[in-house]
Amino acid sequence: MLAGMLPGGYPEMVIGIAGELAQIFAWLIINFRNDDDLSSERVILLDRYDLALLSHGKATDYNFNGLGHHLLKIKYTGDPVPFPHRPARVRRPHR
């Protein structure tokens, strides 16, 4: 319907608008990204033994120092977790 009225035609206009919106979105992502936020780049893995220690009152703190200081305090508030039985590790020499 508008293809004859607009120079270049309607599909080209829609593609051009979509391209401009993509450029605006890319500009927003690039300019509002927080590259110095180290807390979003940390991974903390806890196994069963660590969770059992936390459940028996052993709270722990993790300090992250980058361009700013972050302190993560972990404390367990549920029922006590039984300690898992760890099998003894046998180290074998390399052959």
PDB file of N, CA and C in Angstrom:
ATOM      1  N   MET A   1       0.827  -1.185   0.000  1.00  0.00           N
ATOM      2  CA  MET A   1       0.000   0.000   0.000  1.00  0.00           C
ATOM      3  C   MET A   1       0.875   1.255   0.000  1.00  0.00           C
ATOM      4  N   LEU A   2       1.939   1.298   0.875  1.00  0.00           N
ATOM      5  CA  LEU A   2       2.805   2.463   0.905  1.00  0.00           C
ATOM      6  C   LEU A   2       3.990   2.341  -0.035  1.00  0.00           C
ATOM      7  N   ALA A   3       4.138   1.191  -0.686  1.00  0.00           N
ATOM      8  CA  ALA A   3       5.318   0.948  -1.507  1.00  0.00           C
ATOM      9  C   ALA A   3       5.451   1.967  -2.629  1.00  0.00           C
ATOM     10  N   GLY A   4       4.369   2.390  -3.207  1.00  0.00           N
ATOM     11  CA  GLY A   4       4.439   3.363  -4.286  1.00  0.00           C
ATOM     12  C   GLY A   4       4.622   4.777  -3.793  1.00  0.00           C
ATOM     13  N   MET A   5       4.309   5.077  -2.526  1.00  0.00           N
ATOM     14  CA  MET A   5       4.357   6.441  -2.006  1.00  0.00           C
ATOM     15  C   MET A   5       5.726   6.809  -1.440  1.00  0.00           C
ATOM     16  N   LEU A   6       6.443   5.833  -0.920  1.00  0.00           N
ATOM     17  CA  LEU A   6       7.715   6.112  -0.273  1.00  0.00           C
ATOM     18  C   LEU A   6       8.861   5.840  -1.224  1.00  0.00           C
ATOM     19  N   PRO A   7       9.887   6.695  -1.217  1.00  0.00           N
ATOM     20  CA  PRO A   7      11.048   6.403  -2.057  1.00  0.00           C
ATOM     21  C   PRO A   7      11.801   5.197  -1.504  1.00  0.00           C
ATOM     22  N   GLY A   8      12.119   4.271  -2.363  1.00  0.00           N
ATOM     23  CA  GLY A   8      12.819   3.076  -1.934  1.00  0.00           C
ATOM     24  C   GLY A   8      11.893   1.945  -1.560  1.00  0.00           C
ATOM     25  N   GLY A   9      10.651   2.195  -1.328  1.00  0.00           N
ATOM     26  CA  GLY A   9       9.688   1.145  -1.006  1.00  0.00           C
ATOM     27  C   GLY A   9       9.589   0.879   0.481  1.00  0.00           C
ATOM     28  N   TYR A  10       8.520   0.222   0.854  1.00  0.00           N
ATOM     29  CA  TYR A  10       8.200  -0.070   2.246  1.00  0.00           C
ATOM     30  C   TYR A  10       9.163  -1.077   2.883  1.00  0.00           C
ATOM     31  N   PRO A  11       9.519  -2.197   2.233  1.00  0.00           N
ATOM     32  CA  PRO A  11      10.434  -3.151   2.885  1.00  0.00           C
ATOM     33  C   PRO A  11      11.788  -2.542   3.219  1.00  0.00           C
ATOM     34  N   GLU A  12      12.313  -1.688   2.367  1.00  0.00           N
ATOM     35  CA  GLU A  12      13.589  -1.050   2.640  1.00  0.00           C
ATOM     36  C   GLU A  12      13.493  -0.126   3.853  1.00  0.00           C
ATOM     37  N   MET A  13      12.341   0.540   4.021  1.00  0.00           N
ATOM     38  CA  MET A  13      12.142   1.422   5.163  1.00  0.00           C
ATOM     39  C   MET A  13      12.109   0.613   6.463  1.00  0.00           C
ATOM     40  N   VAL A  14      11.429  -0.520   6.457  1.00  0.00           N
ATOM     41  CA  VAL A  14      11.333  -1.345   7.655  1.00  0.00           C
ATOM     42  C   VAL A  14      12.718  -1.890   8.021  1.00  0.00           C
ATOM     43  N   ILE A  15      13.480  -2.320   7.030  1.00  0.00           N
ATOM     44  CA  ILE A  15      14.832  -2.824   7.281  1.00  0.00           C
ATOM     45  C   ILE A  15      15.729  -1.709   7.815  1.00  0.00           C
ATOM     46  N   GLY A  16      15.586  -0.500   7.287  1.00  0.00           N
ATOM     47  CA  GLY A  16      16.371   0.633   7.772  1.00  0.00           C
ATOM     48  C   GLY A  16      16.043   0.985   9.208  1.00  0.00           C
ATOM     49  N   ILE A  17      14.769   0.978   9.573  1.00  0.00           N
ATOM     50  CA  ILE A  17      14.363   1.273  10.955  1.00  0.00           C
ATOM     51  C   ILE A  17      14.885   0.193  11.893  1.00  0.00           C
ATOM     52  N   ALA A  18      14.796  -1.073  11.474  1.00  0.00           N
ATOM     53  CA  ALA A  18      15.300  -2.165  12.307  1.00  0.00           C
ATOM     54  C   ALA A  18      16.808  -2.035  12.507  1.00  0.00           C
ATOM     55  N   GLY A  19      17.525  -1.630  11.480  1.00  0.00           N
ATOM     56  CA  GLY A  19      18.970  -1.431  11.606  1.00  0.00           C
ATOM     57  C   GLY A  19      19.310  -0.307  12.567  1.00  0.00           C
ATOM     58  N   GLU A  20      18.562   0.788  12.491  1.00  0.00           N
ATOM     59  CA  GLU A  20      18.792   1.908  13.413  1.00  0.00           C
ATOM     60  C   GLU A  20      18.504   1.508  14.860  1.00  0.00           C
ATOM     61  N   LEU A  21      17.436   0.749  15.082  1.00  0.00           N
ATOM     62  CA  LEU A  21      17.120   0.287  16.430  1.00  0.00           C
ATOM     63  C   LEU A  21      18.212  -0.648  16.957  1.00  0.00           C
ATOM     64  N   ALA A  22      18.761  -1.495  16.107  1.00  0.00           N
ATOM     65  CA  ALA A  22      19.856  -2.384  16.515  1.00  0.00           C
ATOM     66  C   ALA A  22      21.096  -1.577  16.885  1.00  0.00           C
ATOM     67  N   GLN A  23      21.393  -0.521  16.142  1.00  0.00           N
ATOM     68  CA  GLN A  23      22.545   0.322  16.468  1.00  0.00           C
ATOM     69  C   GLN A  23      22.342   1.043  17.802  1.00  0.00           C
ATOM     70  N   ILE A  24      21.138   1.505  18.068  1.00  0.00           N
ATOM     71  CA  ILE A  24      20.850   2.171  19.343  1.00  0.00           C
ATOM     72  C   ILE A  24      21.016   1.180  20.493  1.00  0.00           C
ATOM     73  N   PHE A  25      20.500  -0.037  20.324  1.00  0.00           N
ATOM     74  CA  PHE A  25      20.622  -1.058  21.358  1.00  0.00           C
ATOM     75  C   PHE A  25      22.095  -1.399  21.606  1.00  0.00           C
ATOM     76  N   ALA A  26      22.889  -1.553  20.561  1.00  0.00           N
ATOM     77  CA  ALA A  26      24.317  -1.859  20.699  1.00  0.00           C
ATOM     78  C   ALA A  26      25.039  -0.714  21.409  1.00  0.00           C
ATOM     79  N   TRP A  27      24.709   0.521  21.093  1.00  0.00           N
ATOM     80  CA  TRP A  27      25.323   1.669  21.750  1.00  0.00           C
ATOM     81  C   TRP A  27      24.998   1.673  23.247  1.00  0.00           C
ATOM     82  N   LEU A  28      23.747   1.369  23.605  1.00  0.00           N
ATOM     83  CA  LEU A  28      23.352   1.321  25.012  1.00  0.00           C
ATOM     84  C   LEU A  28      24.121   0.240  25.770  1.00  0.00           C
ATOM     85  N   ILE A  29      24.253  -0.936  25.177  1.00  0.00           N
ATOM     86  CA  ILE A  29      24.967  -2.029  25.828  1.00  0.00           C
ATOM     87  C   ILE A  29      26.434  -1.670  26.036  1.00  0.00           C
ATOM     88  N   ILE A  30      27.066  -1.095  25.041  1.00  0.00           N
ATOM     89  CA  ILE A  30      28.490  -0.753  25.134  1.00  0.00           C
ATOM     90  C   ILE A  30      28.727   0.347  26.170  1.00  0.00           C
ATOM     91  N   ASN A  31      27.888   1.356  26.199  1.00  0.00           N
ATOM     92  CA  ASN A  31      28.133   2.509  27.065  1.00  0.00           C
ATOM     93  C   ASN A  31      27.665   2.332  28.503  1.00  0.00           C
ATOM     94  N   PHE A  32      26.752   1.409  28.762  1.00  0.00           N
ATOM     95  CA  PHE A  32      26.267   1.221  30.132  1.00  0.00           C
ATOM     96  C   PHE A  32      26.758  -0.076  30.751  1.00  0.00           C
ATOM     97  N   ARG A  33      27.739  -0.728  30.147  1.00  0.00           N
ATOM     98  CA  ARG A  33      28.331  -1.943  30.704  1.00  0.00           C
ATOM     99  C   ARG A  33      29.269  -1.552  31.836  1.00  0.00           C
ATOM    100  N   ASN A  34      29.239  -2.338  32.907  1.00  0.00           N
ATOM    101  CA  ASN A  34      30.106  -2.089  34.052  1.00  0.00           C
ATOM    102  C   ASN A  34      31.261  -3.083  33.980  1.00  0.00           C
ATOM    103  N   ASP A  35      32.389  -2.671  33.383  1.00  0.00           N
ATOM    104  CA  ASP A  35      33.515  -3.570  33.177  1.00  0.00           C
ATOM    105  C   ASP A  35      34.337  -3.828  34.435  1.00  0.00           C
ATOM    106  N   ASP A  36      34.213  -2.984  35.459  1.00  0.00           N
ATOM    107  CA  ASP A  36      35.042  -3.153  36.650  1.00  0.00           C
ATOM    108  C   ASP A  36      34.310  -3.833  37.802  1.00  0.00           C
ATOM    109  N   ASP A  37      33.175  -4.431  37.553  1.00  0.00           N
ATOM    110  CA  ASP A  37      32.414  -5.095  38.609  1.00  0.00           C
ATOM    111  C   ASP A  37      32.919  -6.527  38.774  1.00  0.00           C
ATOM    112  N   LEU A  38      33.847  -6.722  39.706  1.00  0.00           N
ATOM    113  CA  LEU A  38      34.439  -8.040  39.897  1.00  0.00           C
ATOM    114  C   LEU A  38      33.511  -9.014  40.593  1.00  0.00           C
ATOM    115  N   SER A  39      32.503  -8.527  41.309  1.00  0.00           N
ATOM    116  CA  SER A  39      31.627  -9.449  42.019  1.00  0.00           C
ATOM    117  C   SER A  39      30.794 -10.288  41.056  1.00  0.00           C
ATOM    118  N   SER A  40      30.573  -9.822  39.856  1.00  0.00           N
ATOM    119  CA  SER A  40      29.808 -10.618  38.908  1.00  0.00           C
ATOM    120  C   SER A  40      30.675 -11.647  38.205  1.00  0.00           C
ATOM    121  N   GLU A  41      31.979 -11.631  38.430  1.00  0.00           N
ATOM    122  CA  GLU A  41      32.887 -12.561  37.768  1.00  0.00           C
ATOM    123  C   GLU A  41      33.402 -13.639  38.701  1.00  0.00           C
ATOM    124  N   ARG A  42      32.907 -13.729  39.902  1.00  0.00           N
ATOM    125  CA  ARG A  42      33.394 -14.708  40.868  1.00  0.00           C
ATOM    126  C   ARG A  42      32.472 -15.916  40.895  1.00  0.00           C
ATOM    127  N   VAL A  43      33.077 -17.079  41.102  1.00  0.00           N
ATOM    128  CA  VAL A  43      32.327 -18.318  41.236  1.00  0.00           C
ATOM    129  C   VAL A  43      32.785 -18.979  42.524  1.00  0.00           C
ATOM    130  N   ILE A  44      31.840 -19.354  43.351  1.00  0.00           N
ATOM    131  CA  ILE A  44      32.147 -20.026  44.608  1.00  0.00           C
ATOM    132  C   ILE A  44      31.466 -21.384  44.571  1.00  0.00           C
ATOM    133  N   LEU A  45      32.250 -22.435  44.707  1.00  0.00           N
ATOM    134  CA  LEU A  45      31.721 -23.790  44.712  1.00  0.00           C
ATOM    135  C   LEU A  45      31.844 -24.377  46.110  1.00  0.00           C
ATOM    136  N   LEU A  46      30.754 -24.915  46.609  1.00  0.00           N
ATOM    137  CA  LEU A  46      30.750 -25.546  47.919  1.00  0.00           C
ATOM    138  C   LEU A  46      30.319 -26.999  47.745  1.00  0.00           C
ATOM    139  N   ASP A  47      31.091 -27.918  48.307  1.00  0.00           N
ATOM    140  CA  ASP A  47      30.688 -29.326  48.235  1.00  0.00           C
ATOM    141  C   ASP A  47      29.931 -29.695  49.509  1.00  0.00           C
ATOM    142  N   ARG A  48      29.593 -30.965  49.655  1.00  0.00           N
ATOM    143  CA  ARG A  48      28.810 -31.404  50.807  1.00  0.00           C
ATOM    144  C   ARG A  48      29.529 -31.139  52.126  1.00  0.00           C
ATOM    145  N   TYR A  49      30.839 -31.345  52.125  1.00  0.00           N
ATOM    146  CA  TYR A  49      31.607 -31.141  53.345  1.00  0.00           C
ATOM    147  C   TYR A  49      31.583 -29.664  53.756  1.00  0.00           C
ATOM    148  N   ASP A  50      31.719 -28.760  52.795  1.00  0.00           N
ATOM    149  CA  ASP A  50      31.655 -27.323  53.088  1.00  0.00           C
ATOM    150  C   ASP A  50      30.290 -26.933  53.634  1.00  0.00           C
ATOM    151  N   LEU A  51      29.226 -27.490  53.043  1.00  0.00           N
ATOM    152  CA  LEU A  51      27.878 -27.187  53.524  1.00  0.00           C
ATOM    153  C   LEU A  51      27.659 -27.746  54.922  1.00  0.00           C
ATOM    154  N   ALA A  52      28.231 -28.916  55.210  1.00  0.00           N
ATOM    155  CA  ALA A  52      28.111 -29.470  56.552  1.00  0.00           C
ATOM    156  C   ALA A  52      28.832 -28.578  57.569  1.00  0.00           C
ATOM    157  N   LEU A  53      30.020 -28.069  57.209  1.00  0.00           N
ATOM    158  CA  LEU A  53      30.724 -27.139  58.102  1.00  0.00           C
ATOM    159  C   LEU A  53      29.900 -25.883  58.352  1.00  0.00           C
ATOM    160  N   LEU A  54      29.296 -25.347  57.294  1.00  0.00           N
ATOM    161  CA  LEU A  54      28.470 -24.150  57.466  1.00  0.00           C
ATOM    162  C   LEU A  54      27.261 -24.428  58.350  1.00  0.00           C
ATOM    163  N   SER A  55      26.679 -25.626  58.233  1.00  0.00           N
ATOM    164  CA  SER A  55      25.476 -25.934  59.014  1.00  0.00           C
ATOM    165  C   SER A  55      25.783 -26.126  60.493  1.00  0.00           C
ATOM    166  N   HIS A  56      27.040 -26.394  60.851  1.00  0.00           N
ATOM    167  CA  HIS A  56      27.421 -26.572  62.250  1.00  0.00           C
ATOM    168  C   HIS A  56      28.019 -25.298  62.840  1.00  0.00           C
ATOM    169  N   GLY A  57      27.649 -24.154  62.295  1.00  0.00           N
ATOM    170  CA  GLY A  57      28.023 -22.882  62.898  1.00  0.00           C
ATOM    171  C   GLY A  57      29.301 -22.267  62.392  1.00  0.00           C
ATOM    172  N   LYS A  58      29.891 -22.790  61.358  1.00  0.00           N
ATOM    173  CA  LYS A  58      31.125 -22.224  60.822  1.00  0.00           C
ATOM    174  C   LYS A  58      30.771 -21.236  59.709  1.00  0.00           C
ATOM    175  N   ALA A  59      30.571 -19.990  60.054  1.00  0.00           N
ATOM    176  CA  ALA A  59      30.290 -18.955  59.056  1.00  0.00           C
ATOM    177  C   ALA A  59      31.594 -18.591  58.362  1.00  0.00           C
ATOM    178  N   THR A  60      31.483 -18.068  57.179  1.00  0.00           N
ATOM    179  CA  THR A  60      32.683 -17.707  56.427  1.00  0.00           C
ATOM    180  C   THR A  60      32.474 -16.399  55.682  1.00  0.00           C
ATOM    181  N   ASP A  61      33.576 -15.726  55.411  1.00  0.00           N
ATOM    182  CA  ASP A  61      33.561 -14.466  54.669  1.00  0.00           C
ATOM    183  C   ASP A  61      34.441 -14.605  53.437  1.00  0.00           C
ATOM    184  N   TYR A  62      34.019 -14.001  52.350  1.00  0.00           N
ATOM    185  CA  TYR A  62      34.814 -13.935  51.124  1.00  0.00           C
ATOM    186  C   TYR A  62      35.049 -12.469  50.797  1.00  0.00           C
ATOM    187  N   ASN A  63      36.310 -12.084  50.653  1.00  0.00           N
ATOM    188  CA  ASN A  63      36.675 -10.712  50.315  1.00  0.00           C
ATOM    189  C   ASN A  63      37.080 -10.632  48.851  1.00  0.00           C
ATOM    190  N   PHE A  64      36.497  -9.692  48.141  1.00  0.00           N
ATOM    191  CA  PHE A  64      36.832  -9.455  46.749  1.00  0.00           C
ATOM    192  C   PHE A  64      37.346  -8.029  46.628  1.00  0.00           C
ATOM    193  N   ASN A  65      38.584  -7.885  46.219  1.00  0.00           N
ATOM    194  CA  ASN A  65      39.187  -6.567  46.054  1.00  0.00           C
ATOM    195  C   ASN A  65      39.497  -6.332  44.587  1.00  0.00           C
ATOM    196  N   GLY A  66      38.926  -5.301  44.042  1.00  0.00           N
ATOM    197  CA  GLY A  66      39.209  -4.891  42.679  1.00  0.00           C
ATOM    198  C   GLY A  66      39.304  -3.377  42.699  1.00  0.00           C
ATOM    199  N   LEU A  67      38.514  -2.725  41.909  1.00  0.00           N
ATOM    200  CA  LEU A  67      38.435  -1.267  41.989  1.00  0.00           C
ATOM    201  C   LEU A  67      37.570  -0.832  43.161  1.00  0.00           C
ATOM    202  N   GLY A  68      36.908  -1.795  43.783  1.00  0.00           N
ATOM    203  CA  GLY A  68      36.119  -1.549  44.978  1.00  0.00           C
ATOM    204  C   GLY A  68      36.217  -2.775  45.862  1.00  0.00           C
ATOM    205  N   HIS A  69      35.820  -2.658  47.118  1.00  0.00           N
ATOM    206  CA  HIS A  69      35.894  -3.784  48.042  1.00  0.00           C
ATOM    207  C   HIS A  69      34.503  -4.368  48.223  1.00  0.00           C
ATOM    208  N   HIS A  70      34.420  -5.694  48.074  1.00  0.00           N
ATOM    209  CA  HIS A  70      33.156  -6.397  48.270  1.00  0.00           C
ATOM    210  C   HIS A  70      33.380  -7.470  49.321  1.00  0.00           C
ATOM    211  N   LEU A  71      32.431  -7.626  50.232  1.00  0.00           N
ATOM    212  CA  LEU A  71      32.512  -8.634  51.280  1.00  0.00           C
ATOM    213  C   LEU A  71      31.248  -9.475  51.210  1.00  0.00           C
ATOM    214  N   LEU A  72      31.422 -10.779  51.029  1.00  0.00           N
ATOM    215  CA  LEU A  72      30.307 -11.709  50.985  1.00  0.00           C
ATOM    216  C   LEU A  72      30.371 -12.570  52.232  1.00  0.00           C
ATOM    217  N   LYS A  73      29.328 -12.497  53.077  1.00  0.00           N
ATOM    218  CA  LYS A  73      29.264 -13.290  54.300  1.00  0.00           C
ATOM    219  C   LYS A  73      28.263 -14.409  54.081  1.00  0.00           C
ATOM    220  N   ILE A  74      28.693 -15.640  54.388  1.00  0.00           N
ATOM    221  CA  ILE A  74      27.821 -16.794  54.212  1.00  0.00           C
ATOM    222  C   ILE A  74      27.597 -17.434  55.572  1.00  0.00           C
ATOM    223  N   LYS A  75      26.307 -17.649  55.921  1.00  0.00           N
ATOM    224  CA  LYS A  75      25.949 -18.293  57.176  1.00  0.00           C
ATOM    225  C   LYS A  75      24.764 -19.212  56.902  1.00  0.00           C
ATOM    226  N   TYR A  76      24.823 -20.416  57.391  1.00  0.00           N
ATOM    227  CA  TYR A  76      23.768 -21.398  57.194  1.00  0.00           C
ATOM    228  C   TYR A  76      22.727 -21.234  58.290  1.00  0.00           C
ATOM    229  N   THR A  77      21.436 -21.271  57.941  1.00  0.00           N
ATOM    230  CA  THR A  77      20.387 -21.064  58.934  1.00  0.00           C
ATOM    231  C   THR A  77      19.401 -22.216  59.010  1.00  0.00           C
ATOM    232  N   GLY A  78      19.640 -23.311  58.307  1.00  0.00           N
ATOM    233  CA  GLY A  78      18.712 -24.442  58.315  1.00  0.00           C
ATOM    234  C   GLY A  78      19.075 -25.479  59.363  1.00  0.00           C
ATOM    235  N   ASP A  79      18.528 -26.680  59.196  1.00  0.00           N
ATOM    236  CA  ASP A  79      18.834 -27.797  60.083  1.00  0.00           C
ATOM    237  C   ASP A  79      20.261 -28.278  59.830  1.00  0.00           C
ATOM    238  N   PRO A  80      20.914 -28.841  60.852  1.00  0.00           N
ATOM    239  CA  PRO A  80      22.281 -29.337  60.663  1.00  0.00           C
ATOM    240  C   PRO A  80      22.350 -30.437  59.592  1.00  0.00           C
ATOM    241  N   VAL A  81      23.402 -30.400  58.839  1.00  0.00           N
ATOM    242  CA  VAL A  81      23.642 -31.377  57.778  1.00  0.00           C
ATOM    243  C   VAL A  81      24.671 -32.374  58.299  1.00  0.00           C
ATOM    244  N   PRO A  82      24.419 -33.676  58.154  1.00  0.00           N
ATOM    245  CA  PRO A  82      25.426 -34.642  58.628  1.00  0.00           C
ATOM    246  C   PRO A  82      26.677 -34.582  57.760  1.00  0.00           C
ATOM    247  N   PHE A  83      27.816 -34.831  58.397  1.00  0.00           N
ATOM    248  CA  PHE A  83      29.067 -34.837  57.655  1.00  0.00           C
ATOM    249  C   PHE A  83      29.105 -36.043  56.723  1.00  0.00           C
ATOM    250  N   PRO A  84      29.497 -35.837  55.493  1.00  0.00           N
ATOM    251  CA  PRO A  84      29.598 -36.972  54.572  1.00  0.00           C
ATOM    252  C   PRO A  84      30.838 -37.803  54.888  1.00  0.00           C
ATOM    253  N   HIS A  85      30.761 -39.061  54.568  1.00  0.00           N
ATOM    254  CA  HIS A  85      31.910 -39.952  54.763  1.00  0.00           C
ATOM    255  C   HIS A  85      32.771 -39.859  53.520  1.00  0.00           C
ATOM    256  N   ARG A  86      33.993 -39.395  53.716  1.00  0.00           N
ATOM    257  CA  ARG A  86      34.921 -39.299  52.590  1.00  0.00           C
ATOM    258  C   ARG A  86      35.793 -40.535  52.565  1.00  0.00           C
ATOM    259  N   PRO A  87      35.832 -41.234  51.435  1.00  0.00           N
ATOM    260  CA  PRO A  87      36.734 -42.389  51.361  1.00  0.00           C
ATOM    261  C   PRO A  87      38.181 -41.917  51.358  1.00  0.00           C
ATOM    262  N   ALA A  88      39.040 -42.732  51.925  1.00  0.00           N
ATOM    263  CA  ALA A  88      40.462 -42.391  51.964  1.00  0.00           C
ATOM    264  C   ALA A  88      41.019 -42.429  50.549  1.00  0.00           C
ATOM    265  N   ARG A  89      41.796 -41.435  50.219  1.00  0.00           N
ATOM    266  CA  ARG A  89      42.410 -41.387  48.896  1.00  0.00           C
ATOM    267  C   ARG A  89      43.735 -42.132  48.925  1.00  0.00           C
ATOM    268  N   VAL A  90      43.919 -42.964  47.963  1.00  0.00           N
ATOM    269  CA  VAL A  90      45.170 -43.701  47.837  1.00  0.00           C
ATOM    270  C   VAL A  90      45.905 -43.117  46.656  1.00  0.00           C
ATOM    271  N   ARG A  91      47.097 -42.588  46.915  1.00  0.00           N
ATOM    272  CA  ARG A  91      47.891 -42.001  45.835  1.00  0.00           C
ATOM    273  C   ARG A  91      48.788 -43.084  45.258  1.00  0.00           C
ATOM    274  N   ARG A  92      48.678 -43.242  43.982  1.00  0.00           N
ATOM    275  CA  ARG A  92      49.511 -44.221  43.285  1.00  0.00           C
ATOM    276  C   ARG A  92      50.588 -43.486  42.504  1.00  0.00           C
ATOM    277  N   PRO A  93      51.806 -44.024  42.548  1.00  0.00           N
ATOM    278  CA  PRO A  93      52.889 -43.355  41.790  1.00  0.00           C
ATOM    279  C   PRO A  93      52.658 -43.478  40.298  1.00  0.00           C
ATOM    280  N   HIS A  94      53.140 -42.477  39.561  1.00  0.00           N
ATOM    281  CA  HIS A  94      53.043 -42.522  38.104  1.00  0.00           C
ATOM    282  C   HIS A  94      54.000 -43.580  37.561  1.00  0.00           C
ATOM    283  N   ARG A  95      53.564 -44.236  36.535  1.00  0.00           N
ATOM    284  CA  ARG A  95      54.424 -45.270  35.934  1.00  0.00           C
ATOM    285  C   ARG A  95      54.820 -44.846  34.565  1.00  0.00           C
TER     286      ARG A  95
END
